[in-house]
Amino acid sequence: MAYRKVSAMTALLLFTLVAGLVIYGLQRNHVRQSRHPALAGSVNFTDRDADRVRAEVAAAVARRRPNGHRRPAGCPTLTTRAA
């Protein structure tokens, strides 16, 4: 019984030590990164995604039919009937 008590106390001590080291490491990393709130790297760049989306929207508007109805190319019209 005494062996189990020592083993449980050792396990609790090791768990507390590991938990304390993890908390210390996370806090140290948090403090070190809080001095630089911006992301790493350059922030002086052109957003190419926004330009691409604008170009795609402009192309879609140009392809749109005059009455607002769009039909995929090669799709038969609804007014054609087989005799």
Protein backbone atom coordinates (compact mmCIF):
# COMPACT_ATOMS: atom_id res chain seq x y z
CA MET A 1 0.00 0.00 0.00
CA ALA A 2 2.87 2.36 0.77
CA TYR A 3 4.31 1.77 -2.71
CA ARG A 4 1.03 2.84 -4.35
CA LYS A 5 0.93 6.01 -2.25
CA VAL A 6 4.49 6.95 -3.25
CA SER A 7 3.74 6.11 -6.88
CA ALA A 8 0.59 8.25 -6.87
CA MET A 9 2.44 11.13 -5.22
CA THR A 10 5.25 10.85 -7.78
CA ALA A 11 2.76 10.83 -10.63
CA LEU A 12 0.99 13.89 -9.20
CA LEU A 13 4.32 15.68 -8.78
CA LEU A 14 5.38 14.90 -12.36
CA PHE A 15 1.98 15.96 -13.73
CA THR A 16 2.18 19.25 -11.83
CA LEU A 17 5.72 19.84 -13.06
CA VAL A 18 4.82 19.14 -16.71
CA ALA A 19 1.67 21.28 -16.51
CA GLY A 20 3.65 24.14 -14.98
CA LEU A 21 6.31 23.95 -17.69
CA VAL A 22 3.69 23.94 -20.43
CA ILE A 23 1.92 26.96 -18.94
CA TYR A 24 5.24 28.77 -18.51
CA GLY A 25 6.23 28.07 -22.11
CA LEU A 26 2.90 29.21 -23.50
CA GLN A 27 2.94 32.39 -21.44
CA ARG A 28 6.51 33.15 -22.47
CA ASN A 29 5.61 32.70 -26.14
CA HIS A 30 2.49 34.87 -25.71
CA VAL A 31 4.47 37.69 -24.11
CA ARG A 32 7.17 37.49 -26.79
CA GLN A 33 4.65 37.74 -29.64
CA SER A 34 2.51 40.49 -28.16
CA ARG A 35 5.20 43.10 -28.87
CA HIS A 36 4.62 42.65 -32.61
CA PRO A 37 0.85 42.69 -33.23
CA ALA A 38 1.16 42.66 -37.04
CA LEU A 39 1.65 39.51 -39.01
CA ALA A 40 5.12 38.57 -40.09
CA GLY A 41 6.13 39.69 -43.56
CA SER A 42 5.43 42.68 -45.73
CA VAL A 43 2.07 44.40 -45.68
CA ASN A 44 2.85 46.60 -48.69
CA PHE A 45 1.39 44.47 -51.49
CA THR A 46 -1.40 44.49 -54.06
CA ASP A 47 -4.37 42.26 -53.33
CA ARG A 48 -4.47 40.18 -56.51
CA ASP A 49 -7.55 38.25 -55.38
CA ALA A 50 -9.64 41.42 -55.33
CA ASP A 51 -8.42 42.33 -58.83
CA ARG A 52 -9.21 38.83 -60.11
CA VAL A 53 -12.72 38.87 -58.63
CA ARG A 54 -13.41 42.30 -60.18
CA ALA A 55 -12.26 41.02 -63.58
CA GLU A 56 -14.43 37.89 -63.30
CA VAL A 57 -17.50 39.90 -62.31
CA ALA A 58 -16.93 42.33 -65.20
CA ALA A 59 -16.61 39.40 -67.62
CA ALA A 60 -19.79 37.79 -66.26
CA VAL A 61 -21.71 41.04 -66.67
CA ALA A 62 -20.44 41.37 -70.25
CA ARG A 63 -21.58 37.80 -71.06
CA ARG A 64 -25.04 38.32 -69.57
CA ARG A 65 -27.84 38.34 -72.09
CA PRO A 66 -29.83 41.55 -72.58
CA ASN A 67 -33.01 40.22 -70.93
CA GLY A 68 -31.12 38.99 -67.87
CA HIS A 69 -31.56 35.30 -68.71
CA ARG A 70 -28.38 33.28 -69.11
CA ARG A 71 -28.22 29.96 -70.87
CA PRO A 72 -25.13 27.75 -71.14
CA ALA A 73 -23.58 27.57 -74.59
CA GLY A 74 -24.87 24.66 -76.65
CA CYS A 75 -28.08 24.30 -74.66
CA PRO A 76 -31.18 24.11 -76.89
CA THR A 77 -33.83 26.79 -76.54
CA LEU A 78 -37.18 26.02 -74.97
CA THR A 79 -39.12 27.32 -77.98
CA THR A 80 -37.82 24.70 -80.42
CA ARG A 81 -40.17 21.75 -80.72
CA ALA A 82 -39.70 18.49 -82.50
CA ALA A 83 -42.45 17.90 -85.09
